[in-house]
Amino acid sequence: ILLAFAGIPLTSGFTSKFAVFGAAVDDGQIWLVIAGVVTSMI
């Protein structure tokens, strides 16, 4: 469960983050994606 929260591949956490970040990239919201990736690592 914790690995899913962290967004590790093969869990729903990775798929869902990839989906929202991909939609943001398509919409030109790159700055939000960068913030999301950095905070996910923290």
PDB file of all heavy atoms in Angstrom:
ATOM      1  N   ILE A   1       0.836  -1.203   0.000  1.00  0.00           N
ATOM      2  CA  ILE A   1       0.000   0.000   0.000  1.00  0.00           C
ATOM      3  C   ILE A   1       0.871   1.254   0.000  1.00  0.00           C
ATOM      4  O   ILE A   1       0.611   2.223  -0.738  1.00  0.00           O
ATOM      5  CB  ILE A   1      -0.937  -0.027   1.222  1.00  0.00           C
ATOM      6  CG1 ILE A   1      -2.007  -1.107   1.050  1.00  0.00           C
ATOM      7  CG2 ILE A   1      -1.595   1.335   1.447  1.00  0.00           C
ATOM      8  CD1 ILE A   1      -2.811  -1.384   2.293  1.00  0.00           C
ATOM      9  N   LEU A   2       1.921   1.273   0.822  1.00  0.00           N
ATOM     10  CA  LEU A   2       2.806   2.443   0.868  1.00  0.00           C
ATOM     11  C   LEU A   2       3.535   2.646  -0.453  1.00  0.00           C
ATOM     12  O   LEU A   2       3.752   3.791  -0.884  1.00  0.00           O
ATOM     13  CB  LEU A   2       3.806   2.290   2.016  1.00  0.00           C
ATOM     14  CG  LEU A   2       3.218   2.356   3.432  1.00  0.00           C
ATOM     15  CD1 LEU A   2       4.298   2.070   4.472  1.00  0.00           C
ATOM     16  CD2 LEU A   2       2.587   3.728   3.697  1.00  0.00           C
ATOM     17  N   LEU A   3       3.929   1.552  -1.100  1.00  0.00           N
ATOM     18  CA  LEU A   3       4.574   1.683  -2.412  1.00  0.00           C
ATOM     19  C   LEU A   3       3.601   2.252  -3.438  1.00  0.00           C
ATOM     20  O   LEU A   3       3.989   3.013  -4.329  1.00  0.00           O
ATOM     21  CB  LEU A   3       5.102   0.321  -2.870  1.00  0.00           C
ATOM     22  CG  LEU A   3       6.249  -0.270  -2.044  1.00  0.00           C
ATOM     23  CD1 LEU A   3       6.637  -1.644  -2.576  1.00  0.00           C
ATOM     24  CD2 LEU A   3       7.452   0.664  -2.033  1.00  0.00           C
ATOM     25  N   ALA A   4       2.311   1.907  -3.304  1.00  0.00           N
ATOM     26  CA  ALA A   4       1.309   2.493  -4.194  1.00  0.00           C
ATOM     27  C   ALA A   4       1.171   3.986  -3.939  1.00  0.00           C
ATOM     28  O   ALA A   4       1.070   4.787  -4.880  1.00  0.00           O
ATOM     29  CB  ALA A   4      -0.031   1.791  -4.006  1.00  0.00           C
ATOM     30  N   PHE A   5       1.168   4.374  -2.667  1.00  0.00           N
ATOM     31  CA  PHE A   5       1.137   5.808  -2.348  1.00  0.00           C
ATOM     32  C   PHE A   5       2.337   6.526  -2.954  1.00  0.00           C
ATOM     33  O   PHE A   5       2.222   7.672  -3.418  1.00  0.00           O
ATOM     34  CB  PHE A   5       1.141   6.016  -0.825  1.00  0.00           C
ATOM     35  CG  PHE A   5      -0.203   5.874  -0.169  1.00  0.00           C
ATOM     36  CD1 PHE A   5      -0.347   5.096   0.962  1.00  0.00           C
ATOM     37  CD2 PHE A   5      -1.324   6.521  -0.672  1.00  0.00           C
ATOM     38  CE1 PHE A   5      -1.578   4.959   1.591  1.00  0.00           C
ATOM     39  CE2 PHE A   5      -2.560   6.388  -0.062  1.00  0.00           C
ATOM     40  CZ  PHE A   5      -2.687   5.605   1.072  1.00  0.00           C
ATOM     41  N   ALA A   6       3.490   5.874  -2.929  1.00  0.00           N
ATOM     42  CA  ALA A   6       4.709   6.498  -3.450  1.00  0.00           C
ATOM     43  C   ALA A   6       4.742   6.552  -4.973  1.00  0.00           C
ATOM     44  O   ALA A   6       5.595   7.228  -5.549  1.00  0.00           O
ATOM     45  CB  ALA A   6       5.934   5.739  -2.939  1.00  0.00           C
ATOM     46  N   GLY A   7       3.830   5.828  -5.642  1.00  0.00           N
ATOM     47  CA  GLY A   7       3.776   5.858  -7.096  1.00  0.00           C
ATOM     48  C   GLY A   7       4.759   4.926  -7.765  1.00  0.00           C
ATOM     49  O   GLY A   7       5.255   5.207  -8.867  1.00  0.00           O
ATOM     50  N   ILE A   8       5.048   3.800  -7.118  1.00  0.00           N
ATOM     51  CA  ILE A   8       5.962   2.812  -7.693  1.00  0.00           C
ATOM     52  C   ILE A   8       5.253   2.084  -8.836  1.00  0.00           C
ATOM     53  O   ILE A   8       4.060   1.781  -8.753  1.00  0.00           O
ATOM     54  CB  ILE A   8       6.402   1.803  -6.611  1.00  0.00           C
ATOM     55  CG1 ILE A   8       7.110   2.543  -5.477  1.00  0.00           C
ATOM     56  CG2 ILE A   8       7.328   0.748  -7.201  1.00  0.00           C
ATOM     57  CD1 ILE A   8       8.329   3.325  -5.879  1.00  0.00           C
ATOM     58  N   PRO A   9       5.952   1.806  -9.961  1.00  0.00           N
ATOM     59  CA  PRO A   9       5.299   1.100 -11.078  1.00  0.00           C
ATOM     60  C   PRO A   9       4.664  -0.222 -10.654  1.00  0.00           C
ATOM     61  O   PRO A   9       5.054  -0.827  -9.673  1.00  0.00           O
ATOM     62  CB  PRO A   9       6.458   0.888 -12.063  1.00  0.00           C
ATOM     63  CG  PRO A   9       7.395   2.023 -11.778  1.00  0.00           C
ATOM     64  CD  PRO A   9       7.324   2.246 -10.303  1.00  0.00           C
ATOM     65  N   LEU A  10       3.662  -0.635 -11.438  1.00  0.00           N
ATOM     66  CA  LEU A  10       2.840  -1.822 -11.207  1.00  0.00           C
ATOM     67  C   LEU A  10       1.871  -1.646 -10.037  1.00  0.00           C
ATOM     68  O   LEU A  10       1.325  -2.625  -9.524  1.00  0.00           O
ATOM     69  CB  LEU A  10       3.685  -3.079 -10.992  1.00  0.00           C
ATOM     70  CG  LEU A  10       4.639  -3.444 -12.143  1.00  0.00           C
ATOM     71  CD1 LEU A  10       5.377  -4.733 -11.818  1.00  0.00           C
ATOM     72  CD2 LEU A  10       3.887  -3.561 -13.450  1.00  0.00           C
ATOM     73  N   THR A  11       1.669  -0.406  -9.623  1.00  0.00           N
ATOM     74  CA  THR A  11       0.625  -0.100  -8.646  1.00  0.00           C
ATOM     75  C   THR A  11      -0.273   0.984  -9.233  1.00  0.00           C
ATOM     76  O   THR A  11       0.102   1.695 -10.181  1.00  0.00           O
ATOM     77  CB  THR A  11       1.201   0.396  -7.309  1.00  0.00           C
ATOM     78  OG1 THR A  11       1.835   1.671  -7.515  1.00  0.00           O
ATOM     79  CG2 THR A  11       2.209  -0.586  -6.746  1.00  0.00           C
ATOM     80  N   SER A  12      -1.462   1.130  -8.652  1.00  0.00           N
ATOM     81  CA  SER A  12      -2.388   2.151  -9.147  1.00  0.00           C
ATOM     82  C   SER A  12      -1.856   3.555  -8.922  1.00  0.00           C
ATOM     83  O   SER A  12      -2.223   4.487  -9.649  1.00  0.00           O
ATOM     84  CB  SER A  12      -3.743   1.995  -8.454  1.00  0.00           C
ATOM     85  OG  SER A  12      -3.619   2.176  -7.048  1.00  0.00           O
ATOM     86  N   GLY A  13      -0.990   3.730  -7.915  1.00  0.00           N
ATOM     87  CA  GLY A  13      -0.433   5.060  -7.659  1.00  0.00           C
ATOM     88  C   GLY A  13       0.387   5.570  -8.829  1.00  0.00           C
ATOM     89  O   GLY A  13       0.301   6.748  -9.195  1.00  0.00           O
ATOM     90  N   PHE A  14       1.186   4.683  -9.439  1.00  0.00           N
ATOM     91  CA  PHE A  14       1.976   5.085 -10.600  1.00  0.00           C
ATOM     92  C   PHE A  14       1.073   5.417 -11.786  1.00  0.00           C
ATOM     93  O   PHE A  14       1.248   6.445 -12.451  1.00  0.00           O
ATOM     94  CB  PHE A  14       2.943   3.959 -10.976  1.00  0.00           C
ATOM     95  CG  PHE A  14       3.691   4.202 -12.254  1.00  0.00           C
ATOM     96  CD1 PHE A  14       4.794   5.030 -12.281  1.00  0.00           C
ATOM     97  CD2 PHE A  14       3.279   3.616 -13.443  1.00  0.00           C
ATOM     98  CE1 PHE A  14       5.485   5.275 -13.461  1.00  0.00           C
ATOM     99  CE2 PHE A  14       3.950   3.846 -14.626  1.00  0.00           C
ATOM    100  CZ  PHE A  14       5.060   4.680 -14.638  1.00  0.00           C
ATOM    101  N   THR A  15       0.093   4.559 -12.051  1.00  0.00           N
ATOM    102  CA  THR A  15      -0.782   4.767 -13.203  1.00  0.00           C
ATOM    103  C   THR A  15      -1.568   6.063 -13.083  1.00  0.00           C
ATOM    104  O   THR A  15      -1.701   6.820 -14.047  1.00  0.00           O
ATOM    105  CB  THR A  15      -1.761   3.586 -13.339  1.00  0.00           C
ATOM    106  OG1 THR A  15      -1.033   2.365 -13.277  1.00  0.00           O
ATOM    107  CG2 THR A  15      -2.509   3.654 -14.647  1.00  0.00           C
ATOM    108  N   SER A  16      -2.077   6.346 -11.889  1.00  0.00           N
ATOM    109  CA  SER A  16      -2.902   7.545 -11.711  1.00  0.00           C
ATOM    110  C   SER A  16      -2.064   8.815 -11.808  1.00  0.00           C
ATOM    111  O   SER A  16      -2.485   9.797 -12.434  1.00  0.00           O
ATOM    112  CB  SER A  16      -3.638   7.479 -10.373  1.00  0.00           C
ATOM    113  OG  SER A  16      -2.750   7.235  -9.299  1.00  0.00           O
ATOM    114  N   LYS A  17      -0.880   8.805 -11.219  1.00  0.00           N
ATOM    115  CA  LYS A  17      -0.010   9.984 -11.346  1.00  0.00           C
ATOM    116  C   LYS A  17       0.406  10.196 -12.798  1.00  0.00           C
ATOM    117  O   LYS A  17       0.440  11.336 -13.295  1.00  0.00           O
ATOM    118  CB  LYS A  17       1.224   9.835 -10.452  1.00  0.00           C
ATOM    119  CG  LYS A  17       0.972  10.076  -8.973  1.00  0.00           C
ATOM    120  CD  LYS A  17       2.275  10.078  -8.197  1.00  0.00           C
ATOM    121  CE  LYS A  17       2.071  10.464  -6.738  1.00  0.00           C
ATOM    122  NZ  LYS A  17       1.300   9.458  -5.997  1.00  0.00           N
ATOM    123  N   PHE A  18       0.744   9.112 -13.473  1.00  0.00           N
ATOM    124  CA  PHE A  18       1.121   9.217 -14.882  1.00  0.00           C
ATOM    125  C   PHE A  18      -0.027   9.809 -15.703  1.00  0.00           C
ATOM    126  O   PHE A  18       0.194  10.630 -16.602  1.00  0.00           O
ATOM    127  CB  PHE A  18       1.496   7.833 -15.413  1.00  0.00           C
ATOM    128  CG  PHE A  18       2.068   7.845 -16.810  1.00  0.00           C
ATOM    129  CD1 PHE A  18       3.412   8.054 -17.018  1.00  0.00           C
ATOM    130  CD2 PHE A  18       1.239   7.662 -17.910  1.00  0.00           C
ATOM    131  CE1 PHE A  18       3.946   8.079 -18.305  1.00  0.00           C
ATOM    132  CE2 PHE A  18       1.755   7.678 -19.193  1.00  0.00           C
ATOM    133  CZ  PHE A  18       3.107   7.883 -19.391  1.00  0.00           C
ATOM    134  N   ALA A  19      -1.256   9.428 -15.368  1.00  0.00           N
ATOM    135  CA  ALA A  19      -2.415   9.918 -16.120  1.00  0.00           C
ATOM    136  C   ALA A  19      -2.614  11.415 -15.926  1.00  0.00           C
ATOM    137  O   ALA A  19      -2.793  12.166 -16.900  1.00  0.00           O
ATOM    138  CB  ALA A  19      -3.672   9.151 -15.703  1.00  0.00           C
ATOM    139  N   VAL A  20      -2.600  11.889 -14.663  1.00  0.00           N
ATOM    140  CA  VAL A  20      -2.855  13.318 -14.444  1.00  0.00           C
ATOM    141  C   VAL A  20      -1.689  14.161 -14.931  1.00  0.00           C
ATOM    142  O   VAL A  20      -1.891  15.253 -15.489  1.00  0.00           O
ATOM    143  CB  VAL A  20      -3.164  13.623 -12.957  1.00  0.00           C
ATOM    144  CG1 VAL A  20      -4.463  12.985 -12.527  1.00  0.00           C
ATOM    145  CG2 VAL A  20      -2.035  13.209 -12.043  1.00  0.00           C
ATOM    146  N   PHE A  21      -0.453  13.677 -14.754  1.00  0.00           N
ATOM    147  CA  PHE A  21       0.685  14.449 -15.238  1.00  0.00           C
ATOM    148  C   PHE A  21       0.710  14.471 -16.764  1.00  0.00           C
ATOM    149  O   PHE A  21       1.060  15.496 -17.380  1.00  0.00           O
ATOM    150  CB  PHE A  21       1.999  13.866 -14.698  1.00  0.00           C
ATOM    151  CG  PHE A  21       2.184  14.044 -13.214  1.00  0.00           C
ATOM    152  CD1 PHE A  21       3.124  13.304 -12.521  1.00  0.00           C
ATOM    153  CD2 PHE A  21       1.417  14.955 -12.498  1.00  0.00           C
ATOM    154  CE1 PHE A  21       3.302  13.467 -11.154  1.00  0.00           C
ATOM    155  CE2 PHE A  21       1.589  15.134 -11.129  1.00  0.00           C
ATOM    156  CZ  PHE A  21       2.529  14.375 -10.459  1.00  0.00           C
ATOM    157  N   GLY A  22       0.330  13.371 -17.406  1.00  0.00           N
ATOM    158  CA  GLY A  22       0.264  13.361 -18.863  1.00  0.00           C
ATOM    159  C   GLY A  22      -0.769  14.336 -19.395  1.00  0.00           C
ATOM    160  O   GLY A  22      -0.525  15.046 -20.384  1.00  0.00           O
ATOM    161  N   ALA A  23      -1.938  14.405 -18.742  1.00  0.00           N
ATOM    162  CA  ALA A  23      -2.962  15.368 -19.156  1.00  0.00           C
ATOM    163  C   ALA A  23      -2.472  16.797 -18.977  1.00  0.00           C
ATOM    164  O   ALA A  23      -2.744  17.675 -19.808  1.00  0.00           O
ATOM    165  CB  ALA A  23      -4.244  15.138 -18.356  1.00  0.00           C
ATOM    166  N   ALA A  24      -1.725  17.046 -17.885  1.00  0.00           N
ATOM    167  CA  ALA A  24      -1.203  18.392 -17.648  1.00  0.00           C
ATOM    168  C   ALA A  24      -0.166  18.775 -18.700  1.00  0.00           C
ATOM    169  O   ALA A  24      -0.120  19.926 -19.164  1.00  0.00           O
ATOM    170  CB  ALA A  24      -0.604  18.481 -16.245  1.00  0.00           C
ATOM    171  N   VAL A  25       0.692  17.835 -19.087  1.00  0.00           N
ATOM    172  CA  VAL A  25       1.676  18.106 -20.139  1.00  0.00           C
ATOM    173  C   VAL A  25       0.972  18.441 -21.450  1.00  0.00           C
ATOM    174  O   VAL A  25       1.344  19.395 -22.161  1.00  0.00           O
ATOM    175  CB  VAL A  25       2.621  16.903 -20.312  1.00  0.00           C
ATOM    176  CG1 VAL A  25       3.474  17.066 -21.573  1.00  0.00           C
ATOM    177  CG2 VAL A  25       3.514  16.752 -19.093  1.00  0.00           C
ATOM    178  N   ASP A  26      -0.051  17.669 -21.786  1.00  0.00           N
ATOM    179  CA  ASP A  26      -0.801  17.939 -23.023  1.00  0.00           C
ATOM    180  C   ASP A  26      -1.457  19.310 -22.996  1.00  0.00           C
ATOM    181  O   ASP A  26      -1.633  19.939 -24.047  1.00  0.00           O
ATOM    182  CB  ASP A  26      -1.873  16.865 -23.228  1.00  0.00           C
ATOM    183  CG  ASP A  26      -1.271  15.498 -23.523  1.00  0.00           C
ATOM    184  OD1 ASP A  26      -0.097  15.450 -23.935  1.00  0.00           O
ATOM    185  OD2 ASP A  26      -1.977  14.484 -23.327  1.00  0.00           O
ATOM    186  N   ASP A  27      -1.810  19.782 -21.801  1.00  0.00           N
ATOM    187  CA  ASP A  27      -2.467  21.081 -21.665  1.00  0.00           C
ATOM    188  C   ASP A  27      -1.476  22.225 -21.472  1.00  0.00           C
ATOM    189  O   ASP A  27      -1.877  23.370 -21.284  1.00  0.00           O
ATOM    190  CB  ASP A  27      -3.446  21.031 -20.482  1.00  0.00           C
ATOM    191  CG  ASP A  27      -4.517  22.098 -20.569  1.00  0.00           C
ATOM    192  OD1 ASP A  27      -5.129  22.242 -21.646  1.00  0.00           O
ATOM    193  OD2 ASP A  27      -4.739  22.809 -19.559  1.00  0.00           O
ATOM    194  N   GLY A  28      -0.175  21.909 -21.473  1.00  0.00           N
ATOM    195  CA  GLY A  28       0.837  22.949 -21.340  1.00  0.00           C
ATOM    196  C   GLY A  28       1.155  23.364 -19.922  1.00  0.00           C
ATOM    197  O   GLY A  28       1.867  24.353 -19.711  1.00  0.00           O
ATOM    198  N   GLN A  29       0.677  22.604 -18.916  1.00  0.00           N
ATOM    199  CA  GLN A  29       0.935  22.963 -17.515  1.00  0.00           C
ATOM    200  C   GLN A  29       2.210  22.270 -17.018  1.00  0.00           C
ATOM    201  O   GLN A  29       2.192  21.515 -16.049  1.00  0.00           O
ATOM    202  CB  GLN A  29      -0.273  22.557 -16.655  1.00  0.00           C
ATOM    203  CG  GLN A  29      -1.604  23.089 -17.125  1.00  0.00           C
ATOM    204  CD  GLN A  29      -1.731  24.583 -16.869  1.00  0.00           C
ATOM    205  OE1 GLN A  29      -0.922  25.187 -16.168  1.00  0.00           O
ATOM    206  NE2 GLN A  29      -2.760  25.193 -17.426  1.00  0.00           N
ATOM    207  N   ILE A  30       3.329  22.560 -17.674  1.00  0.00           N
ATOM    208  CA  ILE A  30       4.583  21.876 -17.353  1.00  0.00           C
ATOM    209  C   ILE A  30       5.034  22.189 -15.933  1.00  0.00           C
ATOM    210  O   ILE A  30       5.565  21.323 -15.223  1.00  0.00           O
ATOM    211  CB  ILE A  30       5.682  22.265 -18.359  1.00  0.00           C
ATOM    212  CG1 ILE A  30       5.209  22.006 -19.806  1.00  0.00           C
ATOM    213  CG2 ILE A  30       6.965  21.495 -18.067  1.00  0.00           C
ATOM    214  CD1 ILE A  30       4.916  20.572 -20.116  1.00  0.00           C
ATOM    215  N   TRP A  31       4.807  23.419 -15.481  1.00  0.00           N
ATOM    216  CA  TRP A  31       5.282  23.819 -14.151  1.00  0.00           C
ATOM    217  C   TRP A  31       4.586  23.017 -13.052  1.00  0.00           C
ATOM    218  O   TRP A  31       5.201  22.691 -12.026  1.00  0.00           O
ATOM    219  CB  TRP A  31       5.082  25.316 -13.946  1.00  0.00           C
ATOM    220  CG  TRP A  31       3.645  25.784 -13.990  1.00  0.00           C
ATOM    221  CD1 TRP A  31       2.817  25.773 -15.057  1.00  0.00           C
ATOM    222  CD2 TRP A  31       2.899  26.319 -12.903  1.00  0.00           C
ATOM    223  NE1 TRP A  31       1.578  26.270 -14.720  1.00  0.00           N
ATOM    224  CE2 TRP A  31       1.595  26.632 -13.404  1.00  0.00           C
ATOM    225  CE3 TRP A  31       3.175  26.610 -11.574  1.00  0.00           C
ATOM    226  CZ2 TRP A  31       0.590  27.186 -12.619  1.00  0.00           C
ATOM    227  CZ3 TRP A  31       2.176  27.177 -10.781  1.00  0.00           C
ATOM    228  CH2 TRP A  31       0.909  27.454 -11.297  1.00  0.00           C
ATOM    229  N   LEU A  32       3.333  22.655 -13.264  1.00  0.00           N
ATOM    230  CA  LEU A  32       2.628  21.841 -12.283  1.00  0.00           C
ATOM    231  C   LEU A  32       3.187  20.419 -12.256  1.00  0.00           C
ATOM    232  O   LEU A  32       3.286  19.801 -11.195  1.00  0.00           O
ATOM    233  CB  LEU A  32       1.134  21.813 -12.597  1.00  0.00           C
ATOM    234  CG  LEU A  32       0.375  23.129 -12.443  1.00  0.00           C
ATOM    235  CD1 LEU A  32      -1.088  22.956 -12.840  1.00  0.00           C
ATOM    236  CD2 LEU A  32       0.471  23.637 -11.005  1.00  0.00           C
ATOM    237  N   VAL A  33       3.548  19.908 -13.422  1.00  0.00           N
ATOM    238  CA  VAL A  33       4.107  18.557 -13.492  1.00  0.00           C
ATOM    239  C   VAL A  33       5.455  18.505 -12.781  1.00  0.00           C
ATOM    240  O   VAL A  33       5.749  17.551 -12.041  1.00  0.00           O
ATOM    241  CB  VAL A  33       4.240  18.108 -14.957  1.00  0.00           C
ATOM    242  CG1 VAL A  33       4.922  16.739 -15.035  1.00  0.00           C
ATOM    243  CG2 VAL A  33       2.878  18.056 -15.625  1.00  0.00           C
ATOM    244  N   ILE A  34       6.301  19.515 -12.994  1.00  0.00           N
ATOM    245  CA  ILE A  34       7.605  19.556 -12.325  1.00  0.00           C
ATOM    246  C   ILE A  34       7.418  19.564 -10.806  1.00  0.00           C
ATOM    247  O   ILE A  34       8.085  18.814 -10.073  1.00  0.00           O
ATOM    248  CB  ILE A  34       8.409  20.786 -12.792  1.00  0.00           C
ATOM    249  CG1 ILE A  34       8.769  20.647 -14.277  1.00  0.00           C
ATOM    250  CG2 ILE A  34       9.661  20.966 -11.937  1.00  0.00           C
ATOM    251  CD1 ILE A  34       9.414  21.885 -14.869  1.00  0.00           C
ATOM    252  N   ALA A  35       6.492  20.407 -10.330  1.00  0.00           N
ATOM    253  CA  ALA A  35       6.219  20.450  -8.890  1.00  0.00           C
ATOM    254  C   ALA A  35       5.712  19.104  -8.396  1.00  0.00           C
ATOM    255  O   ALA A  35       6.086  18.640  -7.308  1.00  0.00           O
ATOM    256  CB  ALA A  35       5.200  21.545  -8.584  1.00  0.00           C
ATOM    257  N   GLY A  36       4.873  18.446  -9.198  1.00  0.00           N
ATOM    258  CA  GLY A  36       4.349  17.147  -8.797  1.00  0.00           C
ATOM    259  C   GLY A  36       5.424  16.080  -8.700  1.00  0.00           C
ATOM    260  O   GLY A  36       5.442  15.283  -7.756  1.00  0.00           O
ATOM    261  N   VAL A  37       6.338  16.051  -9.644  1.00  0.00           N
ATOM    262  CA  VAL A  37       7.412  15.048  -9.631  1.00  0.00           C
ATOM    263  C   VAL A  37       8.350  15.276  -8.446  1.00  0.00           C
ATOM    264  O   VAL A  37       8.734  14.334  -7.741  1.00  0.00           O
ATOM    265  CB  VAL A  37       8.186  15.083 -10.960  1.00  0.00           C
ATOM    266  CG1 VAL A  37       9.418  14.200 -10.883  1.00  0.00           C
ATOM    267  CG2 VAL A  37       7.284  14.655 -12.119  1.00  0.00           C
ATOM    268  N   VAL A  38       8.704  16.529  -8.207  1.00  0.00           N
ATOM    269  CA  VAL A  38       9.620  16.842  -7.097  1.00  0.00           C
ATOM    270  C   VAL A  38       8.992  16.468  -5.760  1.00  0.00           C
ATOM    271  O   VAL A  38       9.629  15.820  -4.905  1.00  0.00           O
ATOM    272  CB  VAL A  38      10.011  18.334  -7.126  1.00  0.00           C
ATOM    273  CG1 VAL A  38      10.783  18.716  -5.866  1.00  0.00           C
ATOM    274  CG2 VAL A  38      10.843  18.640  -8.365  1.00  0.00           C
ATOM    275  N   THR A  39       7.745  16.854  -5.551  1.00  0.00           N
ATOM    276  CA  THR A  39       7.096  16.549  -4.269  1.00  0.00           C
ATOM    277  C   THR A  39       6.830  15.053  -4.124  1.00  0.00           C
ATOM    278  O   THR A  39       6.831  14.540  -2.996  1.00  0.00           O
ATOM    279  CB  THR A  39       5.781  17.332  -4.129  1.00  0.00           C
ATOM    280  OG1 THR A  39       4.937  17.083  -5.276  1.00  0.00           O
ATOM    281  CG2 THR A  39       6.055  18.825  -4.026  1.00  0.00           C
ATOM    282  N   SER A  40       6.631  14.350  -5.221  1.00  0.00           N
ATOM    283  CA  SER A  40       6.463  12.898  -5.132  1.00  0.00           C
ATOM    284  C   SER A  40       7.735  12.243  -4.612  1.00  0.00           C
ATOM    285  O   SER A  40       7.674  11.275  -3.831  1.00  0.00           O
ATOM    286  CB  SER A  40       6.098  12.314  -6.502  1.00  0.00           C
ATOM    287  OG  SER A  40       4.832  12.753  -6.937  1.00  0.00           O
ATOM    288  N   MET A  41       8.891  12.758  -5.031  1.00  0.00           N
ATOM    289  CA  MET A  41      10.150  12.215  -4.532  1.00  0.00           C
ATOM    290  C   MET A  41      10.312  12.505  -3.042  1.00  0.00           C
ATOM    291  O   MET A  41      10.782  11.658  -2.277  1.00  0.00           O
ATOM    292  CB  MET A  41      11.325  12.795  -5.332  1.00  0.00           C
ATOM    293  CG  MET A  41      11.379  12.299  -6.771  1.00  0.00           C
ATOM    294  SD  MET A  41      12.879  12.798  -7.643  1.00  0.00           S
ATOM    295  CE  MET A  41      12.603  14.566  -7.793  1.00  0.00           C
ATOM    296  N   ILE A  42       9.921  13.707  -2.610  1.00  0.00           N
ATOM    297  CA  ILE A  42       9.996  14.032  -1.181  1.00  0.00           C
ATOM    298  C   ILE A  42       9.052  13.130  -0.388  1.00  0.00           C
ATOM    299  O   ILE A  42       9.405  12.600   0.670  1.00  0.00           O
ATOM    300  CB  ILE A  42       9.630  15.518  -0.950  1.00  0.00           C
ATOM    301  CG1 ILE A  42      10.628  16.429  -1.653  1.00  0.00           C
ATOM    302  CG2 ILE A  42       9.574  15.832   0.546  1.00  0.00           C
ATOM    303  CD1 ILE A  42      10.243  17.904  -1.621  1.00  0.00           C
TER     304      ILE A  42
END
